[in-house]
């Protein structure tokens, strides 16, 4: 579980939101990592850098969206991560699509 500065909580996959939180809608968020020179494969250092960058951007955007939509927490149900590249510029990055359920109600700590 991630708790950001606005009090928004993000629950990932098997982590469950509070039982008393009310589900108010399913949403999708897309995010991208920073771009790096060259290519990506799951074994190289650049993949790790891009993955960390993608997840950081996704967490920040999820918090912003939950706040914007009037929720108090979100439960990420599914994520898809793909490597993207621009051969002309010689850049690569990761793209993520995150499906989540938005909840309202003050979670108990």
PDB file of N, CA and C in Angstrom:
ATOM      1  N   UNK A   1       0.849  -1.173   0.000  1.00  0.00           N
ATOM      2  CA  UNK A   1       0.000   0.000   0.000  1.00  0.00           C
ATOM      3  C   UNK A   1       0.891   1.231   0.000  1.00  0.00           C
ATOM      4  N   UNK A   2       0.517   2.224  -0.793  1.00  0.00           N
ATOM      5  CA  UNK A   2       1.224   3.490  -0.852  1.00  0.00           C
ATOM      6  C   UNK A   2       0.305   4.562  -0.298  1.00  0.00           C
ATOM      7  N   UNK A   3       0.818   5.409   0.565  1.00  0.00           N
ATOM      8  CA  UNK A   3       0.061   6.516   1.126  1.00  0.00           C
ATOM      9  C   UNK A   3       0.803   7.784   0.728  1.00  0.00           C
ATOM     10  N   UNK A   4       0.190   8.616  -0.128  1.00  0.00           N
ATOM     11  CA  UNK A   4       0.890   9.813  -0.571  1.00  0.00           C
ATOM     12  C   UNK A   4       0.589  10.998   0.343  1.00  0.00           C
ATOM     13  N   UNK A   5       1.107  12.161  -0.007  1.00  0.00           N
ATOM     14  CA  UNK A   5       0.999  13.341   0.840  1.00  0.00           C
ATOM     15  C   UNK A   5      -0.430  13.850   0.993  1.00  0.00           C
ATOM     16  N   UNK A   6      -1.321  13.558   0.057  1.00  0.00           N
ATOM     17  CA  UNK A   6      -2.699  14.025   0.137  1.00  0.00           C
ATOM     18  C   UNK A   6      -3.584  13.067   0.920  1.00  0.00           C
ATOM     19  N   UNK A   7      -3.014  12.030   1.518  1.00  0.00           N
ATOM     20  CA  UNK A   7      -3.799  11.057   2.254  1.00  0.00           C
ATOM     21  C   UNK A   7      -4.461  10.027   1.370  1.00  0.00           C
ATOM     22  N   UNK A   8      -4.136  10.028   0.075  1.00  0.00           N
ATOM     23  CA  UNK A   8      -4.692   9.050  -0.860  1.00  0.00           C
ATOM     24  C   UNK A   8      -3.907   7.755  -0.723  1.00  0.00           C
ATOM     25  N   UNK A   9      -4.635   6.663  -0.612  1.00  0.00           N
ATOM     26  CA  UNK A   9      -3.978   5.361  -0.492  1.00  0.00           C
ATOM     27  C   UNK A   9      -4.183   4.557  -1.760  1.00  0.00           C
ATOM     28  N   UNK A  10      -3.108   3.899  -2.187  1.00  0.00           N
ATOM     29  CA  UNK A  10      -3.148   3.053  -3.364  1.00  0.00           C
ATOM     30  C   UNK A  10      -2.860   1.627  -2.913  1.00  0.00           C
ATOM     31  N   UNK A  11      -3.782   0.714  -3.204  1.00  0.00           N
ATOM     32  CA  UNK A  11      -3.631  -0.699  -2.866  1.00  0.00           C
ATOM     33  C   UNK A  11      -3.331  -1.455  -4.158  1.00  0.00           C
ATOM     34  N   UNK A  12      -2.297  -2.278  -4.142  1.00  0.00           N
ATOM     35  CA  UNK A  12      -1.858  -2.984  -5.352  1.00  0.00           C
ATOM     36  C   UNK A  12      -2.273  -4.448  -5.288  1.00  0.00           C
ATOM     37  N   UNK A  13      -2.956  -4.893  -6.315  1.00  0.00           N
ATOM     38  CA  UNK A  13      -3.314  -6.286  -6.569  1.00  0.00           C
ATOM     39  C   UNK A  13      -3.910  -7.012  -5.368  1.00  0.00           C
ATOM     40  N   UNK A  14      -3.142  -7.762  -4.646  1.00  0.00           N
ATOM     41  CA  UNK A  14      -3.670  -8.587  -3.545  1.00  0.00           C
ATOM     42  C   UNK A  14      -3.939  -7.800  -2.270  1.00  0.00           C
ATOM     43  N   UNK A  15      -3.412  -6.589  -2.189  1.00  0.00           N
ATOM     44  CA  UNK A  15      -3.712  -5.743  -1.034  1.00  0.00           C
ATOM     45  C   UNK A  15      -5.165  -5.294  -1.157  1.00  0.00           C
ATOM     46  N   UNK A  16      -5.911  -5.406  -0.098  1.00  0.00           N
ATOM     47  CA  UNK A  16      -7.331  -5.072  -0.158  1.00  0.00           C
ATOM     48  C   UNK A  16      -7.621  -3.741   0.519  1.00  0.00           C
ATOM     49  N   UNK A  17      -8.488  -2.938  -0.090  1.00  0.00           N
ATOM     50  CA  UNK A  17      -8.890  -1.680   0.541  1.00  0.00           C
ATOM     51  C   UNK A  17      -9.776  -1.969   1.750  1.00  0.00           C
ATOM     52  N   UNK A  18     -10.024  -0.985   2.592  1.00  0.00           N
ATOM     53  CA  UNK A  18     -10.871  -1.189   3.772  1.00  0.00           C
ATOM     54  C   UNK A  18     -12.264  -1.685   3.386  1.00  0.00           C
ATOM     55  N   UNK A  19     -12.820  -2.535   4.223  1.00  0.00           N
ATOM     56  CA  UNK A  19     -14.139  -3.102   3.951  1.00  0.00           C
ATOM     57  C   UNK A  19     -15.234  -2.047   3.918  1.00  0.00           C
ATOM     58  N   UNK A  20     -15.061  -0.974   4.681  1.00  0.00           N
ATOM     59  CA  UNK A  20     -16.114   0.041   4.741  1.00  0.00           C
ATOM     60  C   UNK A  20     -15.994   1.103   3.649  1.00  0.00           C
ATOM     61  N   UNK A  21     -14.999   1.009   2.773  1.00  0.00           N
ATOM     62  CA  UNK A  21     -14.870   1.947   1.659  1.00  0.00           C
ATOM     63  C   UNK A  21     -15.864   1.560   0.564  1.00  0.00           C
ATOM     64  N   UNK A  22     -16.492   2.559  -0.011  1.00  0.00           N
ATOM     65  CA  UNK A  22     -17.519   2.344  -1.038  1.00  0.00           C
ATOM     66  C   UNK A  22     -16.914   2.444  -2.434  1.00  0.00           C
ATOM     67  N   UNK A  23     -17.089   1.398  -3.250  1.00  0.00           N
ATOM     68  CA  UNK A  23     -16.614   1.410  -4.637  1.00  0.00           C
ATOM     69  C   UNK A  23     -17.459   2.400  -5.424  1.00  0.00           C
ATOM     70  N   UNK A  24     -16.796   3.319  -6.136  1.00  0.00           N
ATOM     71  CA  UNK A  24     -17.535   4.326  -6.895  1.00  0.00           C
ATOM     72  C   UNK A  24     -17.197   4.320  -8.386  1.00  0.00           C
ATOM     73  N   UNK A  25     -16.432   3.354  -8.835  1.00  0.00           N
ATOM     74  CA  UNK A  25     -16.209   3.264 -10.273  1.00  0.00           C
ATOM     75  C   UNK A  25     -14.861   2.690 -10.646  1.00  0.00           C
ATOM     76  N   UNK A  26     -14.850   2.036 -11.793  1.00  0.00           N
ATOM     77  CA  UNK A  26     -13.619   1.467 -12.327  1.00  0.00           C
ATOM     78  C   UNK A  26     -13.039   2.442 -13.349  1.00  0.00           C
ATOM     79  N   UNK A  27     -11.723   2.597 -13.324  1.00  0.00           N
ATOM     80  CA  UNK A  27     -11.056   3.565 -14.192  1.00  0.00           C
ATOM     81  C   UNK A  27      -9.777   2.963 -14.759  1.00  0.00           C
ATOM     82  N   UNK A  28      -9.237   3.644 -15.766  1.00  0.00           N
ATOM     83  CA  UNK A  28      -7.979   3.240 -16.395  1.00  0.00           C
ATOM     84  C   UNK A  28      -7.045   4.439 -16.398  1.00  0.00           C
ATOM     85  N   UNK A  29      -5.798   4.189 -16.090  1.00  0.00           N
ATOM     86  CA  UNK A  29      -4.775   5.222 -16.110  1.00  0.00           C
ATOM     87  C   UNK A  29      -3.622   4.728 -16.967  1.00  0.00           C
ATOM     88  N   UNK A  30      -3.072   5.599 -17.787  1.00  0.00           N
ATOM     89  CA  UNK A  30      -1.896   5.270 -18.586  1.00  0.00           C
ATOM     90  C   UNK A  30      -0.740   6.142 -18.124  1.00  0.00           C
ATOM     91  N   UNK A  31       0.453   5.585 -18.145  1.00  0.00           N
ATOM     92  CA  UNK A  31       1.644   6.326 -17.742  1.00  0.00           C
ATOM     93  C   UNK A  31       2.832   5.820 -18.562  1.00  0.00           C
ATOM     94  N   UNK A  32       3.855   6.639 -18.652  1.00  0.00           N
ATOM     95  CA  UNK A  32       5.082   6.255 -19.356  1.00  0.00           C
ATOM     96  C   UNK A  32       6.281   6.575 -18.474  1.00  0.00           C
ATOM     97  N   UNK A  33       7.371   5.881 -18.758  1.00  0.00           N
ATOM     98  CA  UNK A  33       8.616   6.116 -18.042  1.00  0.00           C
ATOM     99  C   UNK A  33       9.410   7.214 -18.737  1.00  0.00           C
ATOM    100  N   UNK A  34      10.523   7.549 -18.145  1.00  0.00           N
ATOM    101  CA  UNK A  34      11.479   8.409 -18.826  1.00  0.00           C
ATOM    102  C   UNK A  34      12.025   7.645 -20.023  1.00  0.00           C
ATOM    103  N   UNK A  35      12.495   8.368 -21.015  1.00  0.00           N
ATOM    104  CA  UNK A  35      13.085   7.733 -22.197  1.00  0.00           C
ATOM    105  C   UNK A  35      14.587   7.556 -21.983  1.00  0.00           C
ATOM    106  N   UNK A  36      15.109   6.463 -22.527  1.00  0.00           N
ATOM    107  CA  UNK A  36      16.535   6.188 -22.427  1.00  0.00           C
ATOM    108  C   UNK A  36      17.079   5.929 -23.821  1.00  0.00           C
ATOM    109  N   UNK A  37      18.372   6.119 -23.979  1.00  0.00           N
ATOM    110  CA  UNK A  37      19.021   5.837 -25.259  1.00  0.00           C
ATOM    111  C   UNK A  37      19.204   4.347 -25.432  1.00  0.00           C
ATOM    112  N   UNK A  38      19.043   3.883 -26.657  1.00  0.00           N
ATOM    113  CA  UNK A  38      19.253   2.464 -26.951  1.00  0.00           C
ATOM    114  C   UNK A  38      18.000   1.650 -26.750  1.00  0.00           C
ATOM    115  N   UNK A  39      18.194   0.370 -26.495  1.00  0.00           N
ATOM    116  CA  UNK A  39      17.072  -0.552 -26.373  1.00  0.00           C
ATOM    117  C   UNK A  39      16.879  -1.033 -24.951  1.00  0.00           C
ATOM    118  N   UNK A  40      15.810  -1.774 -24.781  1.00  0.00           N
ATOM    119  CA  UNK A  40      15.483  -2.342 -23.472  1.00  0.00           C
ATOM    120  C   UNK A  40      15.339  -3.845 -23.600  1.00  0.00           C
ATOM    121  N   UNK A  41      15.852  -4.553 -22.626  1.00  0.00           N
ATOM    122  CA  UNK A  41      15.446  -5.939 -22.426  1.00  0.00           C
ATOM    123  C   UNK A  41      15.382  -6.133 -20.922  1.00  0.00           C
ATOM    124  N   UNK A  42      14.646  -7.131 -20.491  1.00  0.00           N
ATOM    125  CA  UNK A  42      14.353  -7.273 -19.068  1.00  0.00           C
ATOM    126  C   UNK A  42      15.589  -7.540 -18.205  1.00  0.00           C
ATOM    127  N   UNK A  43      16.706  -7.802 -18.831  1.00  0.00           N
ATOM    128  CA  UNK A  43      17.904  -8.111 -18.058  1.00  0.00           C
ATOM    129  C   UNK A  43      18.855  -6.932 -17.921  1.00  0.00           C
ATOM    130  N   UNK A  44      18.595  -5.847 -18.638  1.00  0.00           N
ATOM    131  CA  UNK A  44      19.578  -4.770 -18.562  1.00  0.00           C
ATOM    132  C   UNK A  44      19.195  -3.694 -17.549  1.00  0.00           C
ATOM    133  N   UNK A  45      20.162  -2.876 -17.223  1.00  0.00           N
ATOM    134  CA  UNK A  45      20.014  -1.837 -16.207  1.00  0.00           C
ATOM    135  C   UNK A  45      18.995  -0.790 -16.630  1.00  0.00           C
ATOM    136  N   UNK A  46      18.929  -0.516 -17.923  1.00  0.00           N
ATOM    137  CA  UNK A  46      17.998   0.501 -18.407  1.00  0.00           C
ATOM    138  C   UNK A  46      16.540   0.087 -18.172  1.00  0.00           C
ATOM    139  N   UNK A  47      16.265  -1.224 -18.278  1.00  0.00           N
ATOM    140  CA  UNK A  47      14.909  -1.705 -17.998  1.00  0.00           C
ATOM    141  C   UNK A  47      14.534  -1.353 -16.554  1.00  0.00           C
ATOM    142  N   UNK A  48      15.442  -1.636 -15.628  1.00  0.00           N
ATOM    143  CA  UNK A  48      15.182  -1.340 -14.220  1.00  0.00           C
ATOM    144  C   UNK A  48      14.950   0.143 -13.982  1.00  0.00           C
ATOM    145  N   UNK A  49      15.755   0.976 -14.629  1.00  0.00           N
ATOM    146  CA  UNK A  49      15.593   2.427 -14.508  1.00  0.00           C
ATOM    147  C   UNK A  49      14.224   2.849 -15.045  1.00  0.00           C
ATOM    148  N   UNK A  50      13.860   2.343 -16.215  1.00  0.00           N
ATOM    149  CA  UNK A  50      12.567   2.692 -16.814  1.00  0.00           C
ATOM    150  C   UNK A  50      11.410   2.160 -15.978  1.00  0.00           C
ATOM    151  N   UNK A  51      11.552   0.951 -15.438  1.00  0.00           N
ATOM    152  CA  UNK A  51      10.488   0.388 -14.609  1.00  0.00           C
ATOM    153  C   UNK A  51      10.268   1.250 -13.365  1.00  0.00           C
ATOM    154  N   UNK A  52      11.359   1.619 -12.693  1.00  0.00           N
ATOM    155  CA  UNK A  52      11.246   2.475 -11.505  1.00  0.00           C
ATOM    156  C   UNK A  52      10.597   3.814 -11.857  1.00  0.00           C
ATOM    157  N   UNK A  53      10.991   4.388 -12.980  1.00  0.00           N
ATOM    158  CA  UNK A  53      10.439   5.651 -13.439  1.00  0.00           C
ATOM    159  C   UNK A  53       8.945   5.511 -13.754  1.00  0.00           C
ATOM    160  N   UNK A  54       8.577   4.450 -14.460  1.00  0.00           N
ATOM    161  CA  UNK A  54       7.175   4.210 -14.796  1.00  0.00           C
ATOM    162  C   UNK A  54       6.322   4.087 -13.541  1.00  0.00           C
ATOM    163  N   UNK A  55       6.760   3.290 -12.590  1.00  0.00           N
ATOM    164  CA  UNK A  55       5.975   3.071 -11.375  1.00  0.00           C
ATOM    165  C   UNK A  55       5.870   4.349 -10.539  1.00  0.00           C
ATOM    166  N   UNK A  56       6.921   5.138 -10.525  1.00  0.00           N
ATOM    167  CA  UNK A  56       6.884   6.412  -9.815  1.00  0.00           C
ATOM    168  C   UNK A  56       5.852   7.343 -10.456  1.00  0.00           C
ATOM    169  N   UNK A  57       5.887   7.435 -11.786  1.00  0.00           N
ATOM    170  CA  UNK A  57       4.901   8.264 -12.486  1.00  0.00           C
ATOM    171  C   UNK A  57       3.485   7.730 -12.275  1.00  0.00           C
ATOM    172  N   UNK A  58       3.320   6.417 -12.330  1.00  0.00           N
ATOM    173  CA  UNK A  58       1.992   5.812 -12.162  1.00  0.00           C
ATOM    174  C   UNK A  58       1.445   6.086 -10.762  1.00  0.00           C
ATOM    175  N   UNK A  59       2.261   5.911  -9.722  1.00  0.00           N
ATOM    176  CA  UNK A  59       1.807   6.178  -8.353  1.00  0.00           C
ATOM    177  C   UNK A  59       1.391   7.638  -8.186  1.00  0.00           C
ATOM    178  N   UNK A  60       2.206   8.534  -8.720  1.00  0.00           N
ATOM    179  CA  UNK A  60       1.898   9.963  -8.613  1.00  0.00           C
ATOM    180  C   UNK A  60       0.595  10.285  -9.340  1.00  0.00           C
ATOM    181  N   UNK A  61       0.440   9.789 -10.558  1.00  0.00           N
ATOM    182  CA  UNK A  61      -0.766  10.051 -11.350  1.00  0.00           C
ATOM    183  C   UNK A  61      -1.999   9.412 -10.713  1.00  0.00           C
ATOM    184  N   UNK A  62      -1.846   8.194 -10.170  1.00  0.00           N
ATOM    185  CA  UNK A  62      -2.981   7.557  -9.489  1.00  0.00           C
ATOM    186  C   UNK A  62      -3.452   8.407  -8.313  1.00  0.00           C
ATOM    187  N   UNK A  63      -2.514   8.892  -7.533  1.00  0.00           N
ATOM    188  CA  UNK A  63      -2.873   9.760  -6.410  1.00  0.00           C
ATOM    189  C   UNK A  63      -3.602  11.009  -6.876  1.00  0.00           C
ATOM    190  N   UNK A  64      -3.117  11.619  -7.948  1.00  0.00           N
ATOM    191  CA  UNK A  64      -3.758  12.815  -8.490  1.00  0.00           C
ATOM    192  C   UNK A  64      -5.165  12.510  -8.994  1.00  0.00           C
ATOM    193  N   UNK A  65      -5.325  11.388  -9.687  1.00  0.00           N
ATOM    194  CA  UNK A  65      -6.630  11.022 -10.232  1.00  0.00           C
ATOM    195  C   UNK A  65      -7.631  10.682  -9.135  1.00  0.00           C
ATOM    196  N   UNK A  66      -7.199   9.958  -8.130  1.00  0.00           N
ATOM    197  CA  UNK A  66      -8.092   9.629  -7.016  1.00  0.00           C
ATOM    198  C   UNK A  66      -8.574  10.920  -6.366  1.00  0.00           C
ATOM    199  N   UNK A  67      -7.666  11.839  -6.129  1.00  0.00           N
ATOM    200  CA  UNK A  67      -8.013  13.126  -5.522  1.00  0.00           C
ATOM    201  C   UNK A  67      -8.956  13.904  -6.439  1.00  0.00           C
ATOM    202  N   UNK A  68      -8.633  13.976  -7.731  1.00  0.00           N
ATOM    203  CA  UNK A  68      -9.441  14.718  -8.703  1.00  0.00           C
ATOM    204  C   UNK A  68     -10.864  14.169  -8.811  1.00  0.00           C
ATOM    205  N   UNK A  69     -10.994  12.850  -8.742  1.00  0.00           N
ATOM    206  CA  UNK A  69     -12.294  12.198  -8.879  1.00  0.00           C
ATOM    207  C   UNK A  69     -13.086  12.141  -7.572  1.00  0.00           C
ATOM    208  N   UNK A  70     -12.504  12.653  -6.488  1.00  0.00           N
ATOM    209  CA  UNK A  70     -13.216  12.710  -5.215  1.00  0.00           C
ATOM    210  C   UNK A  70     -13.173  11.435  -4.407  1.00  0.00           C
ATOM    211  N   UNK A  71     -12.230  10.553  -4.716  1.00  0.00           N
ATOM    212  CA  UNK A  71     -12.092   9.318  -3.950  1.00  0.00           C
ATOM    213  C   UNK A  71     -11.099   9.479  -2.822  1.00  0.00           C
ATOM    214  N   UNK A  72     -10.955   8.421  -2.054  1.00  0.00           N
ATOM    215  CA  UNK A  72      -9.972   8.430  -0.961  1.00  0.00           C
ATOM    216  C   UNK A  72      -8.918   7.348  -1.134  1.00  0.00           C
ATOM    217  N   UNK A  73      -9.224   6.323  -1.955  1.00  0.00           N
ATOM    218  CA  UNK A  73      -8.240   5.279  -2.203  1.00  0.00           C
ATOM    219  C   UNK A  73      -8.560   4.575  -3.513  1.00  0.00           C
ATOM    220  N   UNK A  74      -7.592   3.816  -3.989  1.00  0.00           N
ATOM    221  CA  UNK A  74      -7.767   3.061  -5.227  1.00  0.00           C
ATOM    222  C   UNK A  74      -7.157   1.682  -5.046  1.00  0.00           C
ATOM    223  N   UNK A  75      -7.762   0.719  -5.714  1.00  0.00           N
ATOM    224  CA  UNK A  75      -7.249  -0.651  -5.714  1.00  0.00           C
ATOM    225  C   UNK A  75      -6.878  -0.995  -7.153  1.00  0.00           C
ATOM    226  N   UNK A  76      -5.574  -1.125  -7.424  1.00  0.00           N
ATOM    227  CA  UNK A  76      -5.114  -1.481  -8.764  1.00  0.00           C
ATOM    228  C   UNK A  76      -5.425  -2.955  -8.985  1.00  0.00           C
ATOM    229  N   UNK A  77      -6.236  -3.220  -9.998  1.00  0.00           N
ATOM    230  CA  UNK A  77      -6.689  -4.573 -10.278  1.00  0.00           C
ATOM    231  C   UNK A  77      -5.836  -5.271 -11.329  1.00  0.00           C
ATOM    232  N   UNK A  78      -5.358  -4.506 -12.301  1.00  0.00           N
ATOM    233  CA  UNK A  78      -4.620  -5.095 -13.415  1.00  0.00           C
ATOM    234  C   UNK A  78      -3.662  -4.063 -13.982  1.00  0.00           C
ATOM    235  N   UNK A  79      -2.500  -4.529 -14.378  1.00  0.00           N
ATOM    236  CA  UNK A  79      -1.554  -3.639 -15.041  1.00  0.00           C
ATOM    237  C   UNK A  79      -0.949  -4.356 -16.236  1.00  0.00           C
ATOM    238  N   UNK A  80      -0.680  -3.581 -17.261  1.00  0.00           N
ATOM    239  CA  UNK A  80      -0.002  -4.083 -18.453  1.00  0.00           C
ATOM    240  C   UNK A  80       1.176  -3.162 -18.709  1.00  0.00           C
ATOM    241  N   UNK A  81       2.352  -3.739 -18.863  1.00  0.00           N
ATOM    242  CA  UNK A  81       3.555  -2.942 -19.108  1.00  0.00           C
ATOM    243  C   UNK A  81       4.189  -3.430 -20.394  1.00  0.00           C
ATOM    244  N   UNK A  82       4.489  -2.485 -21.282  1.00  0.00           N
ATOM    245  CA  UNK A  82       5.076  -2.806 -22.578  1.00  0.00           C
ATOM    246  C   UNK A  82       6.280  -1.913 -22.836  1.00  0.00           C
ATOM    247  N   UNK A  83       7.280  -2.478 -23.498  1.00  0.00           N
ATOM    248  CA  UNK A  83       8.425  -1.685 -23.950  1.00  0.00           C
ATOM    249  C   UNK A  83       8.035  -0.988 -25.250  1.00  0.00           C
ATOM    250  N   UNK A  84       8.389   0.265 -25.357  1.00  0.00           N
ATOM    251  CA  UNK A  84       8.146   1.046 -26.573  1.00  0.00           C
ATOM    252  C   UNK A  84       9.485   1.597 -27.049  1.00  0.00           C
ATOM    253  N   UNK A  85       9.584   1.885 -28.343  1.00  0.00           N
ATOM    254  CA  UNK A  85      10.836   2.436 -28.853  1.00  0.00           C
ATOM    255  C   UNK A  85      10.593   3.299 -30.074  1.00  0.00           C
ATOM    256  N   UNK A  86      11.520   4.220 -30.287  1.00  0.00           N
ATOM    257  CA  UNK A  86      11.537   5.070 -31.466  1.00  0.00           C
ATOM    258  C   UNK A  86      12.886   4.850 -32.126  1.00  0.00           C
ATOM    259  N   UNK A  87      12.894   4.076 -33.198  1.00  0.00           N
ATOM    260  CA  UNK A  87      14.147   3.736 -33.865  1.00  0.00           C
ATOM    261  C   UNK A  87      14.824   4.959 -34.474  1.00  0.00           C
ATOM    262  N   UNK A  88      14.058   5.925 -34.934  1.00  0.00           N
ATOM    263  CA  UNK A  88      14.624   7.121 -35.549  1.00  0.00           C
ATOM    264  C   UNK A  88      15.456   7.902 -34.533  1.00  0.00           C
ATOM    265  N   UNK A  89      14.926   8.053 -33.336  1.00  0.00           N
ATOM    266  CA  UNK A  89      15.636   8.795 -32.289  1.00  0.00           C
ATOM    267  C   UNK A  89      16.539   7.906 -31.439  1.00  0.00           C
ATOM    268  N   UNK A  90      16.423   6.592 -31.590  1.00  0.00           N
ATOM    269  CA  UNK A  90      17.219   5.667 -30.785  1.00  0.00           C
ATOM    270  C   UNK A  90      16.847   5.689 -29.316  1.00  0.00           C
ATOM    271  N   UNK A  91      15.562   5.859 -29.039  1.00  0.00           N
ATOM    272  CA  UNK A  91      15.081   5.933 -27.655  1.00  0.00           C
ATOM    273  C   UNK A  91      14.154   4.770 -27.344  1.00  0.00           C
ATOM    274  N   UNK A  92      14.095   4.441 -26.067  1.00  0.00           N
ATOM    275  CA  UNK A  92      13.175   3.410 -25.597  1.00  0.00           C
ATOM    276  C   UNK A  92      12.570   3.871 -24.278  1.00  0.00           C
ATOM    277  N   UNK A  93      11.392   3.332 -23.960  1.00  0.00           N
ATOM    278  CA  UNK A  93      10.712   3.657 -22.720  1.00  0.00           C
ATOM    279  C   UNK A  93       9.689   2.575 -22.430  1.00  0.00           C
ATOM    280  N   UNK A  94       9.112   2.631 -21.257  1.00  0.00           N
ATOM    281  CA  UNK A  94       8.052   1.697 -20.887  1.00  0.00           C
ATOM    282  C   UNK A  94       6.725   2.432 -20.826  1.00  0.00           C
ATOM    283  N   UNK A  95       5.695   1.738 -21.279  1.00  0.00           N
ATOM    284  CA  UNK A  95       4.322   2.227 -21.239  1.00  0.00           C
ATOM    285  C   UNK A  95       3.539   1.321 -20.298  1.00  0.00           C
ATOM    286  N   UNK A  96       2.739   1.908 -19.433  1.00  0.00           N
ATOM    287  CA  UNK A  96       1.925   1.118 -18.512  1.00  0.00           C
ATOM    288  C   UNK A  96       0.467   1.515 -18.575  1.00  0.00           C
ATOM    289  N   UNK A  97      -0.395   0.518 -18.495  1.00  0.00           N
ATOM    290  CA  UNK A  97      -1.844   0.725 -18.441  1.00  0.00           C
ATOM    291  C   UNK A  97      -2.326   0.069 -17.156  1.00  0.00           C
ATOM    292  N   UNK A  98      -2.982   0.854 -16.296  1.00  0.00           N
ATOM    293  CA  UNK A  98      -3.375   0.395 -14.973  1.00  0.00           C
ATOM    294  C   UNK A  98      -4.892   0.514 -14.826  1.00  0.00           C
ATOM    295  N   UNK A  99      -5.545  -0.609 -14.558  1.00  0.00           N
ATOM    296  CA  UNK A  99      -6.983  -0.620 -14.316  1.00  0.00           C
ATOM    297  C   UNK A  99      -7.174  -0.645 -12.800  1.00  0.00           C
ATOM    298  N   UNK A 100      -8.027   0.267 -12.305  1.00  0.00           N
ATOM    299  CA  UNK A 100      -8.207   0.353 -10.861  1.00  0.00           C
ATOM    300  C   UNK A 100      -9.652   0.655 -10.508  1.00  0.00           C
ATOM    301  N   UNK A 101     -10.009   0.283  -9.294  1.00  0.00           N
ATOM    302  CA  UNK A 101     -11.314   0.609  -8.734  1.00  0.00           C
ATOM    303  C   UNK A 101     -11.117   1.784  -7.786  1.00  0.00           C
ATOM    304  N   UNK A 102     -11.941   2.794  -7.954  1.00  0.00           N
ATOM    305  CA  UNK A 102     -11.907   3.975  -7.105  1.00  0.00           C
ATOM    306  C   UNK A 102     -12.858   3.772  -5.930  1.00  0.00           C
ATOM    307  N   UNK A 103     -12.418   4.149  -4.737  1.00  0.00           N
ATOM    308  CA  UNK A 103     -13.223   4.019  -3.523  1.00  0.00           C
ATOM    309  C   UNK A 103     -13.358   5.356  -2.826  1.00  0.00           C
ATOM    310  N   UNK A 104     -14.471   5.482  -2.123  1.00  0.00           N
ATOM    311  CA  UNK A 104     -14.718   6.687  -1.320  1.00  0.00           C
ATOM    312  C   UNK A 104     -15.003   6.244   0.112  1.00  0.00           C
ATOM    313  N   UNK A 105     -14.607   7.045   1.030  1.00  0.00           N
ATOM    314  CA  UNK A 105     -14.770   6.718   2.450  1.00  0.00           C
ATOM    315  C   UNK A 105     -13.414   6.769   3.101  1.00  0.00           C
ATOM    316  N   UNK A 106     -13.353   7.343   4.264  1.00  0.00           N
ATOM    317  CA  UNK A 106     -12.070   7.515   4.934  1.00  0.00           C
ATOM    318  C   UNK A 106     -11.565   6.180   5.444  1.00  0.00           C
ATOM    319  N   UNK A 107     -10.452   5.681   4.847  1.00  0.00           N
ATOM    320  CA  UNK A 107      -9.896   4.412   5.333  1.00  0.00           C
ATOM    321  C   UNK A 107      -9.419   4.534   6.773  1.00  0.00           C
ATOM    322  N   UNK A 108      -9.662   3.496   7.543  1.00  0.00           N
ATOM    323  CA  UNK A 108      -9.165   3.461   8.924  1.00  0.00           C
ATOM    324  C   UNK A 108      -7.726   2.984   8.905  1.00  0.00           C
ATOM    325  N   UNK A 109      -6.915   3.601   9.735  1.00  0.00           N
ATOM    326  CA  UNK A 109      -5.493   3.244   9.794  1.00  0.00           C
ATOM    327  C   UNK A 109      -5.270   2.111  10.751  1.00  0.00           C
TER     328      UNK A 109
END
